[in-house]
Amino acid sequence: MTDPVADMLTRVRNAINARHPKVDVPASKLKTEIARILKEEGYILNYKLTEEGAKKFIRIYLKYTPGNVPVISRIERVSRPGCRVYVGSKEVPRVLGGLGVNILTTPRGVMSGASARKEGVGGEVLCQVW
């Protein structure tokens, strides 16, 4: 697999379209940090690390409104292995005028676009969620 982050986002997108309550994703430190930010921003209910034999998974519990409408309406990859997208601290983009969130990898770790703007750091834009 050349892009594990895109695989994670696709699994979440497919689970939301099928209205599943949870989805399992192969674990890595970067994917765990992405799940942490999604939980902090209120896009998922929770996540936890699970093990089945020698394989580790991140179990992501998806969030829906009382009318069974998913909280995540769109989740997309921005920076790909073939076309990396880097931004400086002054050019961190806003998603839908601040209604969405973008996730960045910075020298200070993985963080949302708002916290990167607040701390004055730039980095690689991994994905956008709204």
N, C-alpha and C. Protein backbone atom coordinates (compact mmCIF):
# COMPACT_ATOMS: atom_id res chain seq x y z
N MET A 1 0.85 -1.18 0.00
CA MET A 1 0.00 0.00 0.00
C MET A 1 0.89 1.24 0.00
N THR A 2 0.63 2.15 -0.93
CA THR A 2 1.49 3.32 -1.03
C THR A 2 1.03 4.49 -0.16
N ASP A 3 -0.26 4.55 0.17
CA ASP A 3 -0.77 5.67 0.96
C ASP A 3 -1.72 5.18 2.05
N PRO A 4 -1.17 4.82 3.22
CA PRO A 4 -2.02 4.31 4.30
C PRO A 4 -3.02 5.33 4.85
N VAL A 5 -2.69 6.62 4.82
CA VAL A 5 -3.62 7.64 5.32
C VAL A 5 -4.84 7.72 4.41
N ALA A 6 -4.63 7.67 3.10
CA ALA A 6 -5.76 7.69 2.16
C ALA A 6 -6.62 6.45 2.34
N ASP A 7 -6.00 5.31 2.66
CA ASP A 7 -6.75 4.09 2.92
C ASP A 7 -7.63 4.26 4.16
N MET A 8 -7.08 4.89 5.21
CA MET A 8 -7.87 5.14 6.42
C MET A 8 -9.07 6.04 6.12
N LEU A 9 -8.83 7.13 5.40
CA LEU A 9 -9.90 8.06 5.09
C LEU A 9 -10.97 7.40 4.22
N THR A 10 -10.55 6.54 3.28
CA THR A 10 -11.51 5.84 2.44
C THR A 10 -12.33 4.85 3.24
N ARG A 11 -11.72 4.16 4.19
CA ARG A 11 -12.47 3.24 5.04
C ARG A 11 -13.52 3.98 5.87
N VAL A 12 -13.14 5.15 6.41
CA VAL A 12 -14.09 5.95 7.19
C VAL A 12 -15.22 6.44 6.29
N ARG A 13 -14.88 6.94 5.10
CA ARG A 13 -15.88 7.43 4.15
C ARG A 13 -16.86 6.32 3.75
N ASN A 14 -16.33 5.12 3.46
CA ASN A 14 -17.19 4.01 3.08
C ASN A 14 -18.09 3.56 4.23
N ALA A 15 -17.55 3.55 5.47
CA ALA A 15 -18.35 3.16 6.63
C ALA A 15 -19.47 4.17 6.88
N ILE A 16 -19.19 5.45 6.68
CA ILE A 16 -20.22 6.47 6.86
C ILE A 16 -21.31 6.31 5.81
N ASN A 17 -20.92 6.05 4.56
CA ASN A 17 -21.92 5.88 3.50
C ASN A 17 -22.80 4.65 3.74
N ALA A 18 -22.23 3.61 4.38
CA ALA A 18 -22.98 2.39 4.68
C ALA A 18 -23.66 2.47 6.05
N ARG A 19 -23.50 3.61 6.77
CA ARG A 19 -24.10 3.85 8.09
C ARG A 19 -23.65 2.83 9.14
N HIS A 20 -22.38 2.44 9.08
CA HIS A 20 -21.85 1.52 10.09
C HIS A 20 -21.58 2.29 11.39
N PRO A 21 -21.72 1.65 12.54
CA PRO A 21 -21.44 2.34 13.81
C PRO A 21 -19.94 2.47 14.09
N LYS A 22 -19.14 1.56 13.52
CA LYS A 22 -17.69 1.60 13.78
C LYS A 22 -16.96 1.06 12.56
N VAL A 23 -15.66 1.36 12.52
CA VAL A 23 -14.80 0.88 11.43
C VAL A 23 -13.43 0.57 12.00
N ASP A 24 -12.81 -0.51 11.52
CA ASP A 24 -11.46 -0.88 11.94
C ASP A 24 -10.46 -0.47 10.87
N VAL A 25 -9.34 0.12 11.32
CA VAL A 25 -8.28 0.59 10.44
C VAL A 25 -6.96 0.04 10.97
N PRO A 26 -6.07 -0.46 10.10
CA PRO A 26 -4.76 -0.89 10.60
C PRO A 26 -4.06 0.27 11.32
N ALA A 27 -3.44 -0.03 12.44
CA ALA A 27 -2.91 1.01 13.32
C ALA A 27 -1.52 1.49 12.89
N SER A 28 -1.28 2.77 13.12
CA SER A 28 0.04 3.39 13.04
C SER A 28 -0.02 4.64 13.92
N LYS A 29 1.12 5.20 14.23
CA LYS A 29 1.14 6.39 15.09
C LYS A 29 0.45 7.57 14.42
N LEU A 30 0.70 7.75 13.11
CA LEU A 30 0.10 8.87 12.39
C LEU A 30 -1.43 8.74 12.34
N LYS A 31 -1.93 7.54 12.06
CA LYS A 31 -3.38 7.34 11.99
C LYS A 31 -4.02 7.51 13.36
N THR A 32 -3.31 7.11 14.42
CA THR A 32 -3.83 7.31 15.77
C THR A 32 -3.95 8.80 16.09
N GLU A 33 -2.98 9.58 15.65
CA GLU A 33 -3.03 11.03 15.87
C GLU A 33 -4.16 11.67 15.07
N ILE A 34 -4.39 11.20 13.85
CA ILE A 34 -5.51 11.71 13.05
C ILE A 34 -6.83 11.41 13.75
N ALA A 35 -6.98 10.19 14.26
CA ALA A 35 -8.20 9.81 14.99
C ALA A 35 -8.36 10.67 16.25
N ARG A 36 -7.26 10.97 16.93
CA ARG A 36 -7.31 11.82 18.12
C ARG A 36 -7.85 13.21 17.78
N ILE A 37 -7.37 13.78 16.68
CA ILE A 37 -7.83 15.11 16.29
C ILE A 37 -9.30 15.07 15.87
N LEU A 38 -9.70 14.01 15.16
CA LEU A 38 -11.11 13.90 14.77
C LEU A 38 -12.01 13.81 16.01
N LYS A 39 -11.54 13.15 17.06
CA LYS A 39 -12.31 13.06 18.31
C LYS A 39 -12.35 14.42 19.01
N GLU A 40 -11.20 15.09 19.08
CA GLU A 40 -11.14 16.40 19.74
C GLU A 40 -12.04 17.42 19.05
N GLU A 41 -12.13 17.35 17.73
CA GLU A 41 -12.94 18.30 16.97
C GLU A 41 -14.41 17.90 16.92
N GLY A 42 -14.75 16.70 17.42
CA GLY A 42 -16.14 16.29 17.52
C GLY A 42 -16.69 15.58 16.29
N TYR A 43 -15.82 15.07 15.43
CA TYR A 43 -16.29 14.40 14.22
C TYR A 43 -16.53 12.91 14.42
N ILE A 44 -15.93 12.30 15.44
CA ILE A 44 -16.17 10.90 15.77
C ILE A 44 -16.49 10.81 17.26
N LEU A 45 -17.15 9.72 17.66
CA LEU A 45 -17.48 9.54 19.07
C LEU A 45 -16.23 9.21 19.88
N ASN A 46 -15.49 8.19 19.41
CA ASN A 46 -14.32 7.73 20.15
C ASN A 46 -13.48 6.86 19.23
N TYR A 47 -12.31 6.47 19.71
CA TYR A 47 -11.45 5.51 19.03
C TYR A 47 -10.68 4.75 20.09
N LYS A 48 -10.29 3.52 19.77
CA LYS A 48 -9.44 2.77 20.70
C LYS A 48 -8.57 1.82 19.91
N LEU A 49 -7.41 1.53 20.48
CA LEU A 49 -6.48 0.59 19.86
C LEU A 49 -6.86 -0.82 20.28
N THR A 50 -6.97 -1.73 19.31
CA THR A 50 -7.29 -3.12 19.60
C THR A 50 -6.27 -4.01 18.92
N GLU A 51 -6.15 -5.23 19.42
CA GLU A 51 -5.23 -6.21 18.84
C GLU A 51 -5.97 -7.49 18.54
N GLU A 52 -5.72 -8.02 17.36
CA GLU A 52 -6.22 -9.34 16.99
C GLU A 52 -5.01 -10.16 16.58
N GLY A 53 -4.54 -10.98 17.49
CA GLY A 53 -3.32 -11.73 17.23
C GLY A 53 -2.13 -10.79 17.21
N ALA A 54 -1.39 -10.80 16.11
CA ALA A 54 -0.22 -9.94 15.99
C ALA A 54 -0.55 -8.59 15.36
N LYS A 55 -1.76 -8.44 14.83
CA LYS A 55 -2.13 -7.21 14.14
C LYS A 55 -2.81 -6.23 15.08
N LYS A 56 -2.46 -4.94 14.93
CA LYS A 56 -3.05 -3.89 15.73
C LYS A 56 -4.00 -3.08 14.85
N PHE A 57 -5.15 -2.72 15.41
CA PHE A 57 -6.16 -1.95 14.70
C PHE A 57 -6.57 -0.76 15.53
N ILE A 58 -7.05 0.27 14.84
CA ILE A 58 -7.72 1.39 15.49
C ILE A 58 -9.20 1.21 15.20
N ARG A 59 -10.00 1.08 16.24
CA ARG A 59 -11.44 0.97 16.07
C ARG A 59 -12.02 2.37 16.25
N ILE A 60 -12.61 2.90 15.19
CA ILE A 60 -13.16 4.26 15.19
C ILE A 60 -14.68 4.16 15.28
N TYR A 61 -15.25 4.79 16.31
CA TYR A 61 -16.69 4.80 16.49
C TYR A 61 -17.23 6.08 15.85
N LEU A 62 -18.05 5.91 14.82
CA LEU A 62 -18.53 7.04 14.04
C LEU A 62 -19.69 7.75 14.74
N LYS A 63 -19.85 9.02 14.43
CA LYS A 63 -20.85 9.85 15.11
C LYS A 63 -21.94 10.24 14.12
N TYR A 64 -23.19 10.08 14.57
CA TYR A 64 -24.35 10.45 13.77
C TYR A 64 -25.26 11.35 14.59
N THR A 65 -26.06 12.17 13.90
CA THR A 65 -27.04 13.01 14.58
C THR A 65 -28.25 12.15 14.95
N PRO A 66 -29.19 12.66 15.75
CA PRO A 66 -30.38 11.86 16.08
C PRO A 66 -31.20 11.43 14.86
N GLY A 67 -31.10 12.16 13.75
CA GLY A 67 -31.80 11.79 12.53
C GLY A 67 -31.01 10.84 11.66
N ASN A 68 -29.96 10.22 12.21
CA ASN A 68 -29.08 9.27 11.52
C ASN A 68 -28.34 9.90 10.35
N VAL A 69 -28.03 11.20 10.46
CA VAL A 69 -27.22 11.89 9.47
C VAL A 69 -25.78 11.92 10.00
N PRO A 70 -24.79 11.52 9.19
CA PRO A 70 -23.41 11.50 9.69
C PRO A 70 -22.89 12.91 9.97
N VAL A 71 -22.08 13.02 11.01
CA VAL A 71 -21.47 14.30 11.36
C VAL A 71 -20.44 14.69 10.31
N ILE A 72 -19.70 13.72 9.79
CA ILE A 72 -18.72 13.97 8.73
C ILE A 72 -19.48 13.94 7.40
N SER A 73 -19.58 15.10 6.75
CA SER A 73 -20.23 15.12 5.45
C SER A 73 -19.22 14.89 4.33
N ARG A 74 -17.96 15.26 4.56
CA ARG A 74 -16.92 15.03 3.55
C ARG A 74 -15.58 14.93 4.25
N ILE A 75 -14.76 13.99 3.79
CA ILE A 75 -13.40 13.83 4.30
C ILE A 75 -12.53 13.50 3.10
N GLU A 76 -11.50 14.32 2.86
CA GLU A 76 -10.69 14.12 1.67
C GLU A 76 -9.21 14.36 1.95
N ARG A 77 -8.40 13.64 1.21
CA ARG A 77 -6.94 13.74 1.29
C ARG A 77 -6.50 14.96 0.50
N VAL A 78 -5.55 15.72 1.04
CA VAL A 78 -5.03 16.90 0.34
C VAL A 78 -3.64 16.58 -0.20
N SER A 79 -2.71 16.24 0.67
CA SER A 79 -1.34 15.95 0.28
C SER A 79 -1.20 14.46 0.00
N ARG A 80 -0.76 14.12 -1.20
CA ARG A 80 -0.60 12.72 -1.59
C ARG A 80 0.88 12.39 -1.76
N PRO A 81 1.23 11.11 -1.83
CA PRO A 81 2.64 10.78 -2.05
C PRO A 81 3.20 11.34 -3.35
N GLY A 82 2.36 11.48 -4.38
CA GLY A 82 2.83 12.01 -5.66
C GLY A 82 2.82 13.52 -5.73
N CYS A 83 2.10 14.18 -4.85
CA CYS A 83 1.97 15.64 -4.88
C CYS A 83 1.80 16.15 -3.45
N ARG A 84 2.90 16.41 -2.79
CA ARG A 84 2.85 16.89 -1.41
C ARG A 84 2.43 18.35 -1.38
N VAL A 85 1.65 18.70 -0.36
CA VAL A 85 1.18 20.08 -0.19
C VAL A 85 1.68 20.59 1.16
N TYR A 86 2.59 21.58 1.10
CA TYR A 86 3.14 22.18 2.31
C TYR A 86 2.68 23.62 2.40
N VAL A 87 2.41 24.09 3.60
CA VAL A 87 2.03 25.48 3.81
C VAL A 87 2.87 26.06 4.94
N GLY A 88 3.10 27.37 4.84
CA GLY A 88 3.79 28.06 5.90
C GLY A 88 2.83 28.43 7.01
N SER A 89 3.37 29.00 8.08
CA SER A 89 2.51 29.32 9.22
C SER A 89 1.48 30.39 8.89
N LYS A 90 1.78 31.26 7.93
CA LYS A 90 0.85 32.32 7.55
C LYS A 90 -0.19 31.87 6.52
N GLU A 91 0.07 30.75 5.80
CA GLU A 91 -0.85 30.31 4.74
C GLU A 91 -1.67 29.10 5.11
N VAL A 92 -1.83 28.77 6.38
CA VAL A 92 -2.64 27.61 6.76
C VAL A 92 -4.08 27.89 6.35
N PRO A 93 -4.64 27.08 5.43
CA PRO A 93 -5.97 27.39 4.89
C PRO A 93 -7.10 27.12 5.88
N ARG A 94 -8.19 27.83 5.69
CA ARG A 94 -9.42 27.59 6.45
C ARG A 94 -10.31 26.70 5.60
N VAL A 95 -11.02 25.78 6.23
CA VAL A 95 -11.91 24.87 5.52
C VAL A 95 -13.33 25.39 5.68
N LEU A 96 -13.99 25.69 4.58
CA LEU A 96 -15.36 26.23 4.56
C LEU A 96 -15.50 27.44 5.48
N GLY A 97 -14.54 28.32 5.43
CA GLY A 97 -14.61 29.54 6.24
C GLY A 97 -14.55 29.29 7.74
N GLY A 98 -13.94 28.18 8.15
CA GLY A 98 -13.81 27.87 9.56
C GLY A 98 -14.79 26.82 10.05
N LEU A 99 -15.73 26.36 9.20
CA LEU A 99 -16.68 25.34 9.63
C LEU A 99 -16.06 23.95 9.65
N GLY A 100 -15.07 23.71 8.81
CA GLY A 100 -14.39 22.42 8.77
C GLY A 100 -13.05 22.50 9.46
N VAL A 101 -12.30 21.42 9.35
CA VAL A 101 -10.98 21.38 9.97
C VAL A 101 -10.00 20.70 9.01
N ASN A 102 -8.76 21.19 8.99
CA ASN A 102 -7.74 20.46 8.26
C ASN A 102 -6.71 19.94 9.26
N ILE A 103 -6.08 18.84 8.91
CA ILE A 103 -5.12 18.18 9.80
C ILE A 103 -3.75 18.30 9.17
N LEU A 104 -2.79 18.80 9.93
CA LEU A 104 -1.44 19.03 9.45
C LEU A 104 -0.42 18.23 10.25
N THR A 105 0.67 17.84 9.58
CA THR A 105 1.83 17.34 10.30
C THR A 105 2.82 18.50 10.35
N THR A 106 3.25 18.83 11.54
CA THR A 106 4.15 19.96 11.75
C THR A 106 5.39 19.46 12.50
N PRO A 107 6.40 20.30 12.63
CA PRO A 107 7.55 19.92 13.45
C PRO A 107 7.18 19.67 14.92
N ARG A 108 6.04 20.20 15.35
CA ARG A 108 5.58 19.99 16.73
C ARG A 108 4.56 18.86 16.84
N GLY A 109 4.40 18.07 15.78
CA GLY A 109 3.48 16.94 15.81
C GLY A 109 2.27 17.18 14.94
N VAL A 110 1.34 16.24 14.98
CA VAL A 110 0.11 16.32 14.19
C VAL A 110 -0.87 17.21 14.93
N MET A 111 -1.44 18.21 14.21
CA MET A 111 -2.38 19.12 14.85
C MET A 111 -3.38 19.65 13.83
N SER A 112 -4.45 20.23 14.33
CA SER A 112 -5.46 20.82 13.46
C SER A 112 -4.94 22.14 12.90
N GLY A 113 -5.59 22.61 11.85
CA GLY A 113 -5.16 23.86 11.23
C GLY A 113 -5.29 25.05 12.16
N ALA A 114 -6.33 25.06 12.98
CA ALA A 114 -6.54 26.19 13.91
C ALA A 114 -5.43 26.25 14.95
N SER A 115 -5.06 25.09 15.50
CA SER A 115 -3.99 25.10 16.51
C SER A 115 -2.64 25.39 15.87
N ALA A 116 -2.43 24.98 14.62
CA ALA A 116 -1.17 25.31 13.93
C ALA A 116 -1.09 26.81 13.69
N ARG A 117 -2.22 27.43 13.31
CA ARG A 117 -2.26 28.88 13.11
C ARG A 117 -1.98 29.60 14.42
N LYS A 118 -2.56 29.09 15.53
CA LYS A 118 -2.38 29.71 16.83
C LYS A 118 -0.93 29.62 17.30
N GLU A 119 -0.28 28.46 17.07
CA GLU A 119 1.10 28.27 17.50
C GLU A 119 2.11 28.84 16.51
N GLY A 120 1.65 29.23 15.33
CA GLY A 120 2.54 29.85 14.35
C GLY A 120 3.47 28.85 13.67
N VAL A 121 2.98 27.66 13.36
CA VAL A 121 3.78 26.68 12.66
C VAL A 121 3.05 26.23 11.39
N GLY A 122 3.81 25.87 10.38
CA GLY A 122 3.26 25.33 9.16
C GLY A 122 3.65 23.88 9.02
N GLY A 123 3.29 23.27 7.91
CA GLY A 123 3.64 21.88 7.69
C GLY A 123 2.90 21.30 6.50
N GLU A 124 2.77 19.98 6.48
CA GLU A 124 2.11 19.29 5.38
C GLU A 124 0.62 19.12 5.71
N VAL A 125 -0.24 19.53 4.78
CA VAL A 125 -1.68 19.41 4.96
C VAL A 125 -2.08 17.99 4.59
N LEU A 126 -2.46 17.18 5.58
CA LEU A 126 -2.82 15.79 5.32
C LEU A 126 -4.21 15.66 4.73
N CYS A 127 -5.22 16.23 5.40
CA CYS A 127 -6.59 16.05 4.93
C CYS A 127 -7.48 17.19 5.43
N GLN A 128 -8.68 17.24 4.85
CA GLN A 128 -9.70 18.20 5.24
C GLN A 128 -10.96 17.44 5.60
N VAL A 129 -11.65 17.91 6.65
CA VAL A 129 -12.88 17.27 7.11
C VAL A 129 -13.93 18.35 7.33
N TRP A 130 -15.14 18.08 6.86
CA TRP A 130 -16.29 18.94 7.17
C TRP A 130 -17.57 18.17 7.08
